[in-house]
Amino acid sequence: MIEKNDIPLVSLESMNETHFEELEIINLLLKQIETQADSKTLSQTFEQLLEHMGQHFSSEEKLMKEYLYPSLNMHKTDHDKVLNQARYAEMEWRNKKSVEGLKEYILEELTPWLDQHIKAMDMPMSDFISASTL
């Protein structure tokens, strides 16, 4: 399980809440893996995670456009890349039903990306937007 205090905070509380919601879904998926939930349950939770990621990224991108954030394209490219990787991981899950593969994706790819993305992309973005609203 990944604790809330394991992920960095940004200056916009709404973004922190979105990150925490995503973390809850990730933790639910990890818990389901740990308790050997059936593949239908895992598939539904993984789909929920992908939907949340899409909404998360879309709302951030809308905010960046609204505030004319100069690094919008770079930030969006990072979102697109990880969403494509997540879709590929879901396809692999659906085809192979490898619980270990799913767990590996979450722990070795998705969560490290989330941490790095928040630090490198979301912190500067939220600081820019926070400064623009003063």
C-alpha atoms as a PDB file:
ATOM      1  CA  MET A   1       0.000   0.000   0.000  1.00  0.00           C
ATOM      2  CA  ILE A   2       1.049   3.506  -0.761  1.00  0.00           C
ATOM      3  CA  GLU A   3       0.358   6.063   1.950  1.00  0.00           C
ATOM      4  CA  LYS A   4      -0.883   9.580   1.259  1.00  0.00           C
ATOM      5  CA  ASN A   5       2.248  11.033   2.791  1.00  0.00           C
ATOM      6  CA  ASP A   6       4.327   9.013   0.295  1.00  0.00           C
ATOM      7  CA  ILE A   7       3.281  11.277  -2.547  1.00  0.00           C
ATOM      8  CA  PRO A   8       4.328  14.924  -2.795  1.00  0.00           C
ATOM      9  CA  LEU A   9       1.825  17.705  -2.272  1.00  0.00           C
ATOM     10  CA  VAL A  10       1.295  20.597  -4.673  1.00  0.00           C
ATOM     11  CA  SER A  11       0.080  24.120  -3.982  1.00  0.00           C
ATOM     12  CA  LEU A  12      -3.435  23.514  -5.389  1.00  0.00           C
ATOM     13  CA  GLU A  13      -5.574  21.504  -2.996  1.00  0.00           C
ATOM     14  CA  SER A  14      -7.889  20.316  -5.772  1.00  0.00           C
ATOM     15  CA  MET A  15      -4.931  18.596  -7.444  1.00  0.00           C
ATOM     16  CA  ASN A  16      -3.891  16.970  -4.174  1.00  0.00           C
ATOM     17  CA  GLU A  17      -7.425  15.613  -3.766  1.00  0.00           C
ATOM     18  CA  THR A  18      -7.349  14.179  -7.291  1.00  0.00           C
ATOM     19  CA  HIS A  19      -3.993  12.535  -6.594  1.00  0.00           C
ATOM     20  CA  PHE A  20      -5.374  11.061  -3.350  1.00  0.00           C
ATOM     21  CA  GLU A  21      -8.426   9.696  -5.169  1.00  0.00           C
ATOM     22  CA  GLU A  22      -6.147   8.032  -7.694  1.00  0.00           C
ATOM     23  CA  LEU A  23      -4.015   6.659  -4.898  1.00  0.00           C
ATOM     24  CA  GLU A  24      -7.118   5.129  -3.297  1.00  0.00           C
ATOM     25  CA  ILE A  25      -7.913   3.264  -6.518  1.00  0.00           C
ATOM     26  CA  ILE A  26      -4.300   2.105  -6.842  1.00  0.00           C
ATOM     27  CA  ASN A  27      -4.361   0.880  -3.246  1.00  0.00           C
ATOM     28  CA  LEU A  28      -7.683  -0.873  -3.810  1.00  0.00           C
ATOM     29  CA  LEU A  29      -6.195  -2.661  -6.798  1.00  0.00           C
ATOM     30  CA  LEU A  30      -3.121  -3.661  -4.783  1.00  0.00           C
ATOM     31  CA  LYS A  31      -5.359  -4.894  -1.945  1.00  0.00           C
ATOM     32  CA  GLN A  32      -7.402  -6.931  -4.407  1.00  0.00           C
ATOM     33  CA  ILE A  33      -4.221  -8.464  -5.796  1.00  0.00           C
ATOM     34  CA  GLU A  34      -3.031  -9.247  -2.266  1.00  0.00           C
ATOM     35  CA  THR A  35      -6.335 -10.904  -1.326  1.00  0.00           C
ATOM     36  CA  GLN A  36      -6.453 -12.830  -4.611  1.00  0.00           C
ATOM     37  CA  ALA A  37      -9.616 -11.217  -5.946  1.00  0.00           C
ATOM     38  CA  ASP A  38     -11.086 -12.756  -9.089  1.00  0.00           C
ATOM     39  CA  SER A  39     -10.032 -11.434 -12.484  1.00  0.00           C
ATOM     40  CA  LYS A  40     -13.402  -9.749 -13.114  1.00  0.00           C
ATOM     41  CA  THR A  41     -12.995  -7.650  -9.958  1.00  0.00           C
ATOM     42  CA  LEU A  42      -9.401  -6.757 -10.862  1.00  0.00           C
ATOM     43  CA  SER A  43     -10.467  -5.829 -14.391  1.00  0.00           C
ATOM     44  CA  GLN A  44     -13.232  -3.549 -13.096  1.00  0.00           C
ATOM     45  CA  THR A  45     -10.902  -1.772 -10.690  1.00  0.00           C
ATOM     46  CA  PHE A  46      -8.217  -1.402 -13.349  1.00  0.00           C
ATOM     47  CA  GLU A  47     -10.821   0.101 -15.684  1.00  0.00           C
ATOM     48  CA  GLN A  48     -11.882   2.472 -12.884  1.00  0.00           C
ATOM     49  CA  LEU A  49      -8.241   3.537 -12.528  1.00  0.00           C
ATOM     50  CA  LEU A  50      -7.925   4.216 -16.259  1.00  0.00           C
ATOM     51  CA  GLU A  51     -11.133   6.260 -16.245  1.00  0.00           C
ATOM     52  CA  HIS A  52      -9.911   8.277 -13.275  1.00  0.00           C
ATOM     53  CA  MET A  53      -6.544   8.873 -14.921  1.00  0.00           C
ATOM     54  CA  GLY A  54      -8.268  10.145 -18.064  1.00  0.00           C
ATOM     55  CA  GLN A  55     -10.482  12.520 -16.072  1.00  0.00           C
ATOM     56  CA  HIS A  56      -7.526  13.600 -13.916  1.00  0.00           C
ATOM     57  CA  PHE A  57      -5.387  14.456 -16.917  1.00  0.00           C
ATOM     58  CA  SER A  58      -8.220  16.151 -18.783  1.00  0.00           C
ATOM     59  CA  SER A  59      -9.006  18.442 -15.841  1.00  0.00           C
ATOM     60  CA  GLU A  60      -5.333  19.377 -15.419  1.00  0.00           C
ATOM     61  CA  GLU A  61      -5.013  20.116 -19.123  1.00  0.00           C
ATOM     62  CA  LYS A  62      -8.147  22.280 -19.038  1.00  0.00           C
ATOM     63  CA  LEU A  63      -6.682  24.217 -16.103  1.00  0.00           C
ATOM     64  CA  MET A  64      -3.370  24.687 -17.925  1.00  0.00           C
ATOM     65  CA  LYS A  65      -5.181  26.034 -21.001  1.00  0.00           C
ATOM     66  CA  GLU A  66      -7.280  28.357 -18.873  1.00  0.00           C
ATOM     67  CA  TYR A  67      -4.176  29.869 -17.242  1.00  0.00           C
ATOM     68  CA  LEU A  68      -2.055  29.785 -20.423  1.00  0.00           C
ATOM     69  CA  TYR A  69       0.524  27.557 -18.766  1.00  0.00           C
ATOM     70  CA  PRO A  70       3.683  27.714 -20.906  1.00  0.00           C
ATOM     71  CA  SER A  71       4.626  24.029 -20.484  1.00  0.00           C
ATOM     72  CA  LEU A  72       1.195  22.688 -21.399  1.00  0.00           C
ATOM     73  CA  ASN A  73       2.403  20.665 -24.380  1.00  0.00           C
ATOM     74  CA  MET A  74       5.217  18.989 -22.473  1.00  0.00           C
ATOM     75  CA  HIS A  75       2.891  18.215 -19.553  1.00  0.00           C
ATOM     76  CA  LYS A  76       0.183  16.843 -21.866  1.00  0.00           C
ATOM     77  CA  THR A  77       2.743  14.685 -23.680  1.00  0.00           C
ATOM     78  CA  ASP A  78       3.681  13.091 -20.361  1.00  0.00           C
ATOM     79  CA  HIS A  79      -0.009  12.441 -19.604  1.00  0.00           C
ATOM     80  CA  ASP A  80      -0.544  10.900 -23.037  1.00  0.00           C
ATOM     81  CA  LYS A  81       2.507   8.681 -22.658  1.00  0.00           C
ATOM     82  CA  VAL A  82       1.502   7.243 -19.282  1.00  0.00           C
ATOM     83  CA  LEU A  83      -2.125   6.808 -20.334  1.00  0.00           C
ATOM     84  CA  ASN A  84      -0.988   4.843 -23.385  1.00  0.00           C
ATOM     85  CA  GLN A  85       1.253   2.720 -21.168  1.00  0.00           C
ATOM     86  CA  ALA A  86      -1.680   2.108 -18.810  1.00  0.00           C
ATOM     87  CA  ARG A  87      -3.899   1.071 -21.719  1.00  0.00           C
ATOM     88  CA  TYR A  88      -1.194  -1.295 -22.907  1.00  0.00           C
ATOM     89  CA  ALA A  89      -0.876  -2.737 -19.389  1.00  0.00           C
ATOM     90  CA  GLU A  90      -4.645  -3.224 -19.296  1.00  0.00           C
ATOM     91  CA  MET A  91      -4.546  -5.001 -22.657  1.00  0.00           C
ATOM     92  CA  GLU A  92      -1.767  -7.252 -21.345  1.00  0.00           C
ATOM     93  CA  TRP A  93      -3.843  -7.945 -18.230  1.00  0.00           C
ATOM     94  CA  ARG A  94      -6.936  -8.825 -20.258  1.00  0.00           C
ATOM     95  CA  ASN A  95      -4.963 -11.115 -22.576  1.00  0.00           C
ATOM     96  CA  LYS A  96      -2.755 -12.878 -20.043  1.00  0.00           C
ATOM     97  CA  LYS A  97      -4.497 -12.399 -16.670  1.00  0.00           C
ATOM     98  CA  SER A  98      -1.057 -12.237 -15.069  1.00  0.00           C
ATOM     99  CA  VAL A  99      -1.572 -10.951 -11.531  1.00  0.00           C
ATOM    100  CA  GLU A 100       2.195 -10.609 -11.133  1.00  0.00           C
ATOM    101  CA  GLY A 101       2.386  -8.587 -14.351  1.00  0.00           C
ATOM    102  CA  LEU A 102      -0.375  -6.285 -13.127  1.00  0.00           C
ATOM    103  CA  LYS A 103       1.279  -5.855  -9.744  1.00  0.00           C
ATOM    104  CA  GLU A 104       4.635  -5.187 -11.396  1.00  0.00           C
ATOM    105  CA  TYR A 105       3.101  -2.520 -13.632  1.00  0.00           C
ATOM    106  CA  ILE A 106       1.534  -0.737 -10.658  1.00  0.00           C
ATOM    107  CA  LEU A 107       4.546  -0.891  -8.347  1.00  0.00           C
ATOM    108  CA  GLU A 108       7.384  -0.537 -10.833  1.00  0.00           C
ATOM    109  CA  GLU A 109       5.933   1.728 -13.490  1.00  0.00           C
ATOM    110  CA  LEU A 110       2.800   3.596 -12.467  1.00  0.00           C
ATOM    111  CA  THR A 111       3.539   4.652  -8.890  1.00  0.00           C
ATOM    112  CA  PRO A 112       7.135   5.751  -9.577  1.00  0.00           C
ATOM    113  CA  TRP A 113       5.832   7.721 -12.565  1.00  0.00           C
ATOM    114  CA  LEU A 114       3.152   9.379 -10.414  1.00  0.00           C
ATOM    115  CA  ASP A 115       5.736  10.492  -7.857  1.00  0.00           C
ATOM    116  CA  GLN A 116       8.097  11.823 -10.528  1.00  0.00           C
ATOM    117  CA  HIS A 117       5.316  13.477 -12.501  1.00  0.00           C
ATOM    118  CA  ILE A 118       4.003  15.302  -9.448  1.00  0.00           C
ATOM    119  CA  LYS A 119       7.485  16.574  -8.590  1.00  0.00           C
ATOM    120  CA  ALA A 120       8.599  17.510 -12.108  1.00  0.00           C
ATOM    121  CA  MET A 121       5.345  18.578 -13.770  1.00  0.00           C
ATOM    122  CA  ASP A 122       2.507  19.169 -11.314  1.00  0.00           C
ATOM    123  CA  MET A 123       4.430  21.195  -8.734  1.00  0.00           C
ATOM    124  CA  PRO A 124       5.619  23.820 -11.226  1.00  0.00           C
ATOM    125  CA  MET A 125       2.191  23.906 -12.867  1.00  0.00           C
ATOM    126  CA  SER A 126       0.323  24.362  -9.599  1.00  0.00           C
ATOM    127  CA  ASP A 127       2.797  27.024  -8.451  1.00  0.00           C
ATOM    128  CA  PHE A 128       2.313  28.901 -11.748  1.00  0.00           C
ATOM    129  CA  ILE A 129      -1.472  28.756 -11.437  1.00  0.00           C
ATOM    130  CA  SER A 130      -1.395  29.695  -7.742  1.00  0.00           C
ATOM    131  CA  ALA A 131       0.768  32.727  -8.533  1.00  0.00           C
ATOM    132  CA  SER A 132      -1.591  33.681 -11.371  1.00  0.00           C
ATOM    133  CA  THR A 133      -4.583  33.765  -9.040  1.00  0.00           C
ATOM    134  CA  LEU A 134      -3.036  36.146  -6.494  1.00  0.00           C
END
